Amino acid sequence: MTRIEEIARHDGRRVTLRGWLANRRSSGKIHFLQIRDGSGFIQGVMSRATVGDGTFDVTRHLGQETAIEVEGDVRADTRAPGGYEIDITALRVVGPSTDYPITPKEHGPDFLLDRRHLWIRSSRQQAVLRIRHEVIDATRDYLNSRGFVLADTPIFTPAACEGTTTLFPVPYFDHGTVYLTQSGQLYNEATAMALGRVYSFGPTFRAEKSKTRRHLTEFWMVEPEMAWADLDDVIELAEGLVAEVVARVLDRRARELAALGRDTAPLERIRTPFARLTYDDAARLLKEKGLPFEWGGDFGSPDETALSEAFDGPVAVTGFPAAIKAFYFEPEPDRPEISRSVDILAPEGYGEIIGGGQRIADYELLERRIAEHGLPRDAFEWYLDLRRYGSVPHGGFGMGIERVVAWICGLEHLREAIPFPRMLYRFTP
C-alpha cells in the first residue's frame, strides 16, 4: 500500500492507493479523479479502454468523498500538482458518499463551522492543520534540545491564576467548585524548582465573552519556566522559539503555505533579536498615531495592530504597569509600579503571541500581592511554599499555539487554527 506523499519513490511502478474522491470530472472516455488520502492529493486518470465499461460507468456516478481503493501506474507529469499522476487500472468502492454537503461552491462561515467535522477534509484546512502540527513539533524540539522537561500540569485547579472573572467553574464531587485552568504557570514554577527547566503543553480555558477574531474559549498553550532566570533570559528564550518555529515551517511546509496563498516574504525576514519597546514608549507611540490610549491601560487589538505595524518583524514590549498584570510578576526595583513583564507582538497586525516575564521570588512581597488582589490565601499556601523553601529568581512565558498558527498561515480568524474551535456561541460539533 502506498501513500500519496511517497508517490515520487514509485515513478513507473504499479501501486495501490486508498483514499477519498475529492473531485471528479469527465471528458469523453476519460475520467479525471482527484484523490486524497490524508497525506496529499493526486490526480488519477481512468480510461474506458483500460478499466472496461463496468468500472468506468460506476465511476461516473461516484459522489464526492466516496472512499475508494485504486490500482494504477505512477507517471511523472510536470503539469500535475505534485509532479505525478496515476493511470488507474482498477477501482473498488469501499464506502459510498451521497449528497456531500460541502461542494466546491462558496459557503458561509456558519455553514462550514456547523460541518467542521467535514470541512477539515478540504485542502485548505488540511494545510492549516499540517502547519499547526509543524508548529507544535518545532516547539517541542526547540525546548527539548535546550534541556527543558515536559511536566504536564492540572486541568482542574482550585483557584484563578490570572483573574477571577474569566474562569469556567466545574462542580467537583462533594468538594465544591473547581475551575478549568487558565494557565499551567503556577504549577510550572513548582516543577521548575525540582527540574530546573520545564514546560507544560496543553489546553487552557478563558470564559471571556468576546467575539473577536483573536479569541477562543478553549485554546492550546506551551508554557516554559526556568529557575535561575531573569527577564532578559525569558525574552531571549521566547525570541529563539518564535524564530525557530517560523524557520521550521518555511523549511518543511512550503507546499502548505503555497496552498494557502501565504506571502512568505514577511516570515523570511524574521531574525533575532527582535525589536524592543518599553510600555512607556508604546503608550507615546499610540498617542502619536491618534489612538485613544491612556497610560495604565492594557492594549486592545487596535493598539497591538498599530504597534506591530511600526516594525518589520516581531516586537517585544516590556515594562507593563503592575496594576494590569497578574499578581506574581516581579516589580522593577527602581519603579515598583512597573512589572518585569514582556509581550511579544507578531507582525502584520496579528497581535500578542507570547506573554510572560520574571516571577516574584520574595516571600513577603508575594504574600502581600496575594492579599492585594483579594485572592484566597489558603488556595495559594502551596505556592507560597515555593518562596519559603529555597526561592530563586525565575521566569517564563506562555505562547498561544492558535495565534502563532494564524499568523504564520495568514488566517483571518483563530477558528481555522484549531481542529474544532470553541467560541462564545459555538461548542459543537
Protein backbone atom coordinates (compact mmCIF):
# COMPACT_ATOMS: atom_id res chain seq x y z
CA MET A 1 0.00 0.00 0.00
CA THR A 2 1.38 3.42 -0.99
CA ARG A 3 0.70 6.85 0.44
CA ILE A 4 0.45 9.85 -1.88
CA GLU A 5 3.25 11.69 -0.06
CA GLU A 6 5.59 8.83 -1.06
CA ILE A 7 4.47 8.63 -4.69
CA ALA A 8 7.72 10.00 -6.15
CA ARG A 9 9.52 6.87 -4.98
CA HIS A 10 7.29 4.75 -7.22
CA ASP A 11 7.64 6.50 -10.58
CA GLY A 12 6.96 3.99 -13.35
CA ARG A 13 5.65 1.33 -10.99
CA ARG A 14 2.20 -0.06 -10.26
CA VAL A 15 0.81 0.92 -6.84
CA THR A 16 -2.35 0.67 -4.76
CA LEU A 17 -3.79 3.78 -3.08
CA ARG A 18 -6.55 4.02 -0.52
CA GLY A 19 -8.30 7.35 -0.13
CA TRP A 20 -11.32 9.52 -0.86
CA LEU A 21 -12.66 11.06 -4.04
CA ALA A 22 -12.19 14.81 -3.61
CA ASN A 23 -13.44 15.73 -7.07
CA ARG A 24 -14.26 14.18 -10.43
CA ARG A 25 -14.59 15.46 -13.96
CA SER A 26 -15.04 13.61 -17.21
CA SER A 27 -14.03 14.16 -20.82
CA GLY A 28 -15.48 11.66 -23.24
CA LYS A 29 -13.96 8.31 -22.48
CA ILE A 30 -11.66 9.56 -19.70
CA HIS A 31 -12.36 10.32 -16.03
CA PHE A 32 -10.06 12.62 -14.06
CA LEU A 33 -10.26 11.75 -10.37
CA GLN A 34 -8.75 13.93 -7.68
CA ILE A 35 -7.88 11.56 -4.86
CA ARG A 36 -6.76 12.41 -1.35
CA ASP A 37 -5.51 10.04 1.33
CA GLY A 38 -4.65 12.37 4.21
CA SER A 39 -1.01 12.68 3.15
CA GLY A 40 -1.69 14.58 -0.06
CA PHE A 41 -3.68 14.88 -3.29
CA ILE A 42 -3.06 13.24 -6.66
CA GLN A 43 -4.91 13.09 -9.96
CA GLY A 44 -5.92 9.68 -11.21
CA VAL A 45 -6.62 9.25 -14.94
CA MET A 46 -9.08 6.50 -15.86
CA SER A 47 -9.85 5.45 -19.43
CA ARG A 48 -12.75 3.25 -20.51
CA ALA A 49 -10.39 1.21 -22.65
CA THR A 50 -8.23 0.31 -19.65
CA VAL A 51 -10.81 -0.46 -16.94
CA GLY A 52 -13.75 -1.62 -19.04
CA ASP A 53 -17.34 -0.40 -19.29
CA GLY A 54 -18.48 -1.62 -15.86
CA THR A 55 -15.88 0.15 -13.72
CA PHE A 56 -15.93 3.24 -15.95
CA ASP A 57 -19.72 3.62 -15.70
CA VAL A 58 -19.74 3.04 -11.91
CA THR A 59 -17.07 5.72 -11.50
CA ARG A 60 -19.20 8.20 -13.46
CA HIS A 61 -21.73 8.21 -10.63
CA LEU A 62 -19.40 8.27 -7.61
CA GLY A 63 -20.16 11.06 -5.17
CA GLN A 64 -17.67 13.47 -3.60
CA GLU A 65 -15.85 11.89 -0.62
CA THR A 66 -16.57 8.32 -1.67
CA ALA A 67 -13.92 6.08 -0.09
CA ILE A 68 -12.09 4.16 -2.81
CA GLU A 69 -9.15 1.88 -3.40
CA VAL A 70 -7.41 2.29 -6.74
CA GLU A 71 -4.63 0.46 -8.50
CA GLY A 72 -2.58 2.08 -11.21
CA ASP A 73 0.73 3.06 -12.76
CA VAL A 74 2.59 6.11 -11.45
CA ARG A 75 3.66 8.57 -14.13
CA ALA A 76 5.68 11.77 -13.82
CA ASP A 77 3.90 14.82 -15.25
CA THR A 78 5.25 18.31 -14.74
CA ARG A 79 1.78 19.78 -15.30
CA ALA A 80 0.27 17.86 -12.40
CA PRO A 81 0.18 19.22 -8.84
CA GLY A 82 2.97 17.41 -7.07
CA GLY A 83 4.52 16.37 -10.37
CA TYR A 84 2.86 12.93 -10.67
CA GLU A 85 -0.35 11.28 -11.84
CA ILE A 86 -1.60 7.74 -11.64
CA ASP A 87 -3.06 5.87 -14.63
CA ILE A 88 -5.83 3.85 -13.00
CA THR A 89 -6.17 0.19 -13.92
CA ALA A 90 -8.72 -0.84 -11.26
CA LEU A 91 -11.05 0.82 -8.75
CA ARG A 92 -13.03 -0.54 -5.80
CA VAL A 93 -15.66 1.38 -3.84
CA VAL A 94 -15.09 0.94 -0.09
CA GLY A 95 -17.53 3.48 1.37
CA PRO A 96 -20.12 5.31 -0.75
CA SER A 97 -20.92 9.01 -0.28
CA THR A 98 -24.10 10.67 -1.50
CA ASP A 99 -25.04 14.36 -1.46
CA TYR A 100 -21.87 15.50 0.33
CA PRO A 101 -22.87 18.89 1.81
CA ILE A 102 -19.65 20.84 1.22
CA THR A 103 -19.34 21.38 -2.51
CA PRO A 104 -16.73 23.38 -4.45
CA LYS A 105 -19.05 26.42 -4.40
CA GLU A 106 -18.75 29.18 -1.79
CA HIS A 107 -20.27 28.54 1.65
CA GLY A 108 -20.71 30.93 4.58
CA PRO A 109 -18.62 30.55 7.76
CA ASP A 110 -21.55 29.38 9.92
CA PHE A 111 -22.45 26.70 7.38
CA LEU A 112 -18.85 25.48 7.37
CA LEU A 113 -18.41 25.64 11.14
CA ASP A 114 -21.61 23.62 11.62
CA ARG A 115 -19.91 21.00 9.46
CA ARG A 116 -16.39 21.45 10.79
CA HIS A 117 -16.03 17.66 11.08
CA LEU A 118 -16.26 17.57 7.27
CA TRP A 119 -14.72 20.95 6.47
CA ILE A 120 -11.33 19.78 7.78
CA ARG A 121 -11.17 17.41 4.78
CA SER A 122 -10.66 20.35 2.40
CA SER A 123 -7.19 21.05 1.03
CA ARG A 124 -7.01 24.45 2.74
CA GLN A 125 -7.94 23.15 6.16
CA GLN A 126 -5.57 20.22 5.78
CA ALA A 127 -2.76 22.67 5.02
CA VAL A 128 -3.53 24.69 8.15
CA LEU A 129 -3.61 21.59 10.37
CA ARG A 130 -0.32 20.30 8.94
CA ILE A 131 1.30 23.66 9.69
CA ARG A 132 -0.18 23.50 13.20
CA HIS A 133 1.47 20.11 13.62
CA GLU A 134 4.80 21.55 12.47
CA VAL A 135 4.50 24.48 14.90
CA ILE A 136 3.89 22.09 17.79
CA ASP A 137 6.65 19.70 16.70
CA ALA A 138 9.17 22.53 16.30
CA THR A 139 8.23 23.97 19.70
CA ARG A 140 8.81 20.65 21.43
CA ASP A 141 12.10 20.08 19.62
CA TYR A 142 13.36 23.57 20.49
CA LEU A 143 12.62 23.21 24.19
CA ASN A 144 13.71 19.57 24.45
CA SER A 145 17.06 20.39 22.82
CA ARG A 146 17.69 23.07 25.46
CA GLY A 147 17.23 20.86 28.48
CA PHE A 148 13.57 21.54 29.19
CA VAL A 149 11.50 18.70 30.65
CA LEU A 150 7.82 18.29 29.78
CA ALA A 151 5.93 18.28 33.09
CA ASP A 152 2.19 18.45 32.47
CA THR A 153 0.00 20.49 34.79
CA PRO A 154 -3.59 20.02 36.06
CA ILE A 155 -6.67 20.94 34.05
CA PHE A 156 -8.74 21.21 37.26
CA THR A 157 -7.41 23.95 39.54
CA PRO A 158 -8.66 25.25 42.90
CA ALA A 159 -8.14 28.96 42.17
CA ALA A 160 -7.51 31.54 39.48
CA CYS A 161 -4.08 32.06 38.00
CA GLU A 162 -4.64 35.36 36.21
CA GLY A 163 -8.07 36.65 37.14
CA THR A 164 -11.31 35.51 38.71
CA THR A 165 -13.68 36.86 36.04
CA THR A 166 -12.71 34.53 33.22
CA LEU A 167 -12.98 31.14 34.94
CA PHE A 168 -15.12 28.16 33.93
CA PRO A 169 -16.46 26.67 37.20
CA VAL A 170 -16.88 22.90 37.48
CA PRO A 171 -18.62 21.03 40.35
CA TYR A 172 -16.11 18.60 41.86
CA PHE A 173 -17.83 15.72 43.68
CA ASP A 174 -18.58 16.80 47.29
CA HIS A 175 -15.72 19.31 47.43
CA GLY A 176 -17.47 22.31 45.93
CA THR A 177 -16.30 24.19 42.84
CA VAL A 178 -13.02 23.89 40.96
CA TYR A 179 -12.07 25.64 37.72
CA LEU A 180 -10.77 24.78 34.28
CA THR A 181 -7.21 26.01 34.05
CA GLN A 182 -6.31 29.40 32.62
CA SER A 183 -2.63 28.53 32.65
CA GLY A 184 -0.24 25.89 33.95
CA GLN A 185 2.25 28.52 35.04
CA LEU A 186 1.92 28.30 38.84
CA TYR A 187 2.48 24.56 38.70
CA ASN A 188 5.33 25.07 36.25
CA GLU A 189 7.05 27.16 38.90
CA ALA A 190 6.86 24.19 41.28
CA THR A 191 8.29 21.71 38.77
CA ALA A 192 10.98 24.22 37.73
CA MET A 193 12.21 24.23 41.33
CA ALA A 194 12.53 20.44 41.03
CA LEU A 195 13.85 20.08 37.46
CA GLY A 196 15.35 23.48 36.61
CA ARG A 197 13.83 23.93 33.15
CA VAL A 198 10.33 22.70 32.42
CA TYR A 199 7.36 23.28 30.17
CA SER A 200 3.70 22.34 30.06
CA PHE A 201 1.74 21.92 26.85
CA GLY A 202 -1.99 21.58 26.88
CA PRO A 203 -5.45 23.12 26.64
CA THR A 204 -6.34 26.25 28.59
CA PHE A 205 -9.70 27.91 29.07
CA ARG A 206 -10.90 31.52 29.30
CA ALA A 207 -14.54 32.38 29.93
CA GLU A 208 -14.27 35.71 28.13
CA LYS A 209 -17.44 36.95 26.48
CA SER A 210 -15.58 38.10 23.42
CA LYS A 211 -16.42 37.50 19.77
CA THR A 212 -13.29 38.96 18.18
CA ARG A 213 -11.22 37.06 15.65
CA ARG A 214 -8.44 36.73 18.25
CA HIS A 215 -10.42 34.88 20.92
CA LEU A 216 -11.29 31.26 21.61
CA THR A 217 -12.68 29.92 24.89
CA GLU A 218 -10.51 26.80 24.60
CA PHE A 219 -7.01 27.01 23.17
CA TRP A 220 -3.61 25.35 23.44
CA MET A 221 -0.61 26.93 25.08
CA VAL A 222 3.02 26.00 25.63
CA GLU A 223 4.47 27.42 28.84
CA PRO A 224 8.21 27.14 29.56
CA GLU A 225 9.51 28.06 33.01
CA MET A 226 13.14 28.44 34.15
CA ALA A 227 14.75 28.54 37.57
CA TRP A 228 17.68 30.95 37.94
CA ALA A 229 16.36 33.26 35.21
CA ASP A 230 15.52 36.93 34.84
CA LEU A 231 13.50 38.92 32.31
CA ASP A 232 16.34 39.04 29.78
CA ASP A 233 16.61 35.23 29.87
CA VAL A 234 12.87 34.94 29.28
CA ILE A 235 12.97 37.29 26.28
CA GLU A 236 15.96 35.51 24.75
CA LEU A 237 14.24 32.12 25.02
CA ALA A 238 10.98 33.47 23.58
CA GLU A 239 12.70 35.14 20.62
CA GLY A 240 14.63 32.00 19.80
CA LEU A 241 11.49 29.86 19.98
CA VAL A 242 9.49 32.08 17.63
CA ALA A 243 12.35 32.35 15.13
CA GLU A 244 12.92 28.58 15.16
CA VAL A 245 9.24 27.78 14.68
CA VAL A 246 8.94 30.13 11.71
CA ALA A 247 12.13 28.81 10.10
CA ARG A 248 10.97 25.22 10.52
CA VAL A 249 7.59 25.87 8.90
CA LEU A 250 9.24 27.68 5.98
CA ASP A 251 11.62 24.76 5.51
CA ARG A 252 9.20 21.84 5.86
CA ARG A 253 5.77 23.22 4.95
CA ALA A 254 6.41 25.29 1.84
CA ARG A 255 3.77 23.31 -0.07
CA GLU A 256 1.12 24.02 2.56
CA LEU A 257 2.00 27.72 2.72
CA ALA A 258 1.68 27.90 -1.06
CA ALA A 259 -1.70 26.15 -0.91
CA LEU A 260 -2.87 28.88 1.46
CA GLY A 261 -1.53 31.59 -0.82
CA ARG A 262 0.64 32.88 2.03
CA ASP A 263 3.15 35.60 1.14
CA THR A 264 6.23 34.20 2.89
CA ALA A 265 8.43 37.30 2.49
CA PRO A 266 7.47 38.74 5.93
CA LEU A 267 8.18 35.36 7.54
CA GLU A 268 11.55 35.07 5.82
CA ARG A 269 12.61 38.37 7.42
CA ILE A 270 12.24 37.07 10.99
CA ARG A 271 15.58 37.41 12.79
CA THR A 272 16.68 37.63 16.41
CA PRO A 273 16.99 39.73 18.46
CA PHE A 274 13.55 41.26 17.99
CA ALA A 275 12.86 44.96 18.25
CA ARG A 276 12.35 46.14 21.84
CA LEU A 277 9.85 48.72 23.03
CA THR A 278 9.00 49.77 26.57
CA TYR A 279 5.38 50.15 27.58
CA ASP A 280 6.07 53.86 28.19
CA ASP A 281 7.30 54.31 24.62
CA ALA A 282 4.44 52.20 23.27
CA ALA A 283 1.92 54.46 25.01
CA ARG A 284 3.55 57.53 23.45
CA LEU A 285 3.62 55.90 20.03
CA LEU A 286 -0.09 55.08 20.20
CA LYS A 287 -0.84 58.69 21.16
CA GLU A 288 1.19 59.92 18.20
CA LYS A 289 -0.83 57.62 15.95
CA GLY A 290 -4.03 59.21 17.22
CA LEU A 291 -5.37 56.23 19.16
CA PRO A 292 -7.34 56.94 22.36
CA PHE A 293 -4.87 55.12 24.61
CA GLU A 294 -4.03 56.23 28.15
CA TRP A 295 -1.02 55.14 30.19
CA GLY A 296 -2.06 52.42 32.60
CA GLY A 297 -4.44 50.66 30.22
CA ASP A 298 -3.93 47.28 28.62
CA PHE A 299 -3.53 47.01 24.87
CA GLY A 300 -6.60 46.17 22.83
CA SER A 301 -6.49 44.61 19.37
CA PRO A 302 -6.31 48.01 17.56
CA ASP A 303 -3.41 49.04 19.82
CA GLU A 304 -1.48 45.82 19.20
CA THR A 305 -2.07 46.14 15.47
CA ALA A 306 -0.86 49.74 15.41
CA LEU A 307 2.28 48.88 17.37
CA SER A 308 3.16 45.88 15.21
CA GLU A 309 2.73 47.93 12.03
CA ALA A 310 5.57 50.17 13.20
CA PHE A 311 8.07 47.31 12.93
CA ASP A 312 9.20 44.91 10.22
CA GLY A 313 9.11 41.85 12.47
CA PRO A 314 8.00 40.80 15.95
CA VAL A 315 8.42 43.35 18.74
CA ALA A 316 8.97 42.68 22.45
CA VAL A 317 7.09 45.18 24.64
CA THR A 318 8.42 45.31 28.20
CA GLY A 319 7.61 47.00 31.47
CA PHE A 320 3.81 46.87 31.73
CA PRO A 321 2.17 48.55 34.74
CA ALA A 322 1.97 46.10 37.64
CA ALA A 323 -1.71 47.00 38.13
CA ILE A 324 -2.73 45.39 34.82
CA LYS A 325 -0.58 42.27 35.17
CA ALA A 326 -1.06 39.17 37.31
CA PHE A 327 -0.09 39.21 40.98
CA TYR A 328 3.05 37.11 40.55
CA PHE A 329 5.15 39.47 38.38
CA GLU A 330 8.40 40.80 39.84
CA PRO A 331 8.38 44.62 40.06
CA GLU A 332 11.21 46.78 38.77
CA PRO A 333 13.43 47.68 41.76
CA ASP A 334 13.55 51.39 40.93
CA ARG A 335 9.93 51.62 39.71
CA PRO A 336 7.74 49.23 41.73
CA GLU A 337 4.66 50.32 39.78
CA ILE A 338 6.22 48.62 36.71
CA SER A 339 6.38 44.84 36.30
CA ARG A 340 9.25 42.83 34.84
CA SER A 341 7.00 41.58 32.05
CA VAL A 342 7.04 41.15 28.30
CA ASP A 343 4.51 40.68 25.49
CA ILE A 344 5.75 39.69 22.06
CA LEU A 345 3.59 41.04 19.25
CA ALA A 346 3.59 39.33 15.86
CA PRO A 347 3.94 41.50 12.76
CA GLU A 348 1.25 42.09 10.13
CA GLY A 349 -1.32 43.03 12.76
CA TYR A 350 -1.60 39.62 14.44
CA GLY A 351 -1.06 40.94 17.95
CA GLU A 352 0.20 39.21 21.05
CA ILE A 353 1.54 35.68 20.63
CA ILE A 354 3.62 35.46 23.83
CA GLY A 355 3.15 36.88 27.31
CA GLY A 356 5.43 36.33 30.28
CA GLY A 357 8.17 37.69 32.47
CA GLN A 358 10.03 37.32 35.72
CA ARG A 359 8.16 35.99 38.79
CA ILE A 360 8.26 37.33 42.33
CA ALA A 361 10.89 35.44 44.32
CA ASP A 362 10.43 37.17 47.69
CA TYR A 363 8.04 35.51 50.15
CA GLU A 364 6.76 38.66 51.86
CA LEU A 365 6.15 40.52 48.61
CA LEU A 366 4.23 37.60 47.11
CA GLU A 367 2.19 37.27 50.29
CA ARG A 368 1.31 40.96 50.06
CA ARG A 369 0.37 40.72 46.37
CA ILE A 370 -1.99 37.81 47.02
CA ALA A 371 -3.76 39.88 49.68
CA GLU A 372 -3.88 42.99 47.48
CA HIS A 373 -5.56 41.01 44.70
CA GLY A 374 -8.16 39.61 47.10
CA LEU A 375 -7.14 36.02 46.39
CA PRO A 376 -7.93 33.22 48.87
CA ARG A 377 -4.80 32.70 50.96
CA ASP A 378 -5.48 29.00 51.62
CA ALA A 379 -5.62 28.21 47.89
CA PHE A 380 -2.12 29.67 47.43
CA GLU A 381 -0.43 28.27 50.53
CA TRP A 382 1.36 25.66 48.45
CA TYR A 383 2.50 28.40 46.03
CA LEU A 384 3.94 30.39 48.94
CA ASP A 385 5.89 27.27 49.93
CA LEU A 386 7.96 27.75 46.78
CA ARG A 387 9.25 31.00 48.34
CA ARG A 388 9.65 29.54 51.83
CA TYR A 389 11.95 26.75 50.77
CA GLY A 390 14.85 27.84 48.60
CA SER A 391 13.37 30.57 46.41
CA VAL A 392 15.42 31.76 43.42
CA PRO A 393 14.90 34.24 40.56
CA HIS A 394 12.82 32.53 37.91
CA GLY A 395 10.60 33.29 34.93
CA GLY A 396 8.84 32.04 31.86
CA PHE A 397 6.08 32.71 29.37
CA GLY A 398 3.05 31.32 27.58
CA MET A 399 2.78 31.05 23.79
CA GLY A 400 -0.66 30.58 22.25
CA ILE A 401 -0.46 27.93 19.54
CA GLU A 402 -3.53 29.12 17.62
CA ARG A 403 -2.29 32.70 17.49
CA VAL A 404 1.08 31.57 16.13
CA VAL A 405 -0.60 29.30 13.57
CA ALA A 406 -2.98 32.07 12.47
CA TRP A 407 -0.06 34.46 11.97
CA ILE A 408 2.16 32.02 10.09
CA CYS A 409 -0.72 30.86 7.87
CA GLY A 410 -2.09 34.36 7.33
CA LEU A 411 -5.55 33.41 8.67
CA GLU A 412 -8.25 35.96 9.35
CA HIS A 413 -9.67 34.18 12.41
CA LEU A 414 -8.34 31.80 15.07
CA ARG A 415 -11.25 29.43 14.42
CA GLU A 416 -9.36 27.94 11.46
CA ALA A 417 -6.20 27.35 13.51
CA ILE A 418 -7.66 24.57 15.67
CA PRO A 419 -9.46 21.41 14.52
CA PHE A 420 -12.67 22.07 16.48
CA PRO A 421 -12.99 25.69 17.70
CA ARG A 422 -14.83 26.65 20.87
CA MET A 423 -16.13 30.21 20.93
CA LEU A 424 -18.70 32.27 22.82
CA TYR A 425 -21.66 30.87 20.87
CA ARG A 426 -20.11 27.71 19.48
CA PHE A 427 -19.32 24.46 21.26
CA THR A 428 -20.30 21.93 18.54
CA PRO A 429 -19.52 19.78 16.67
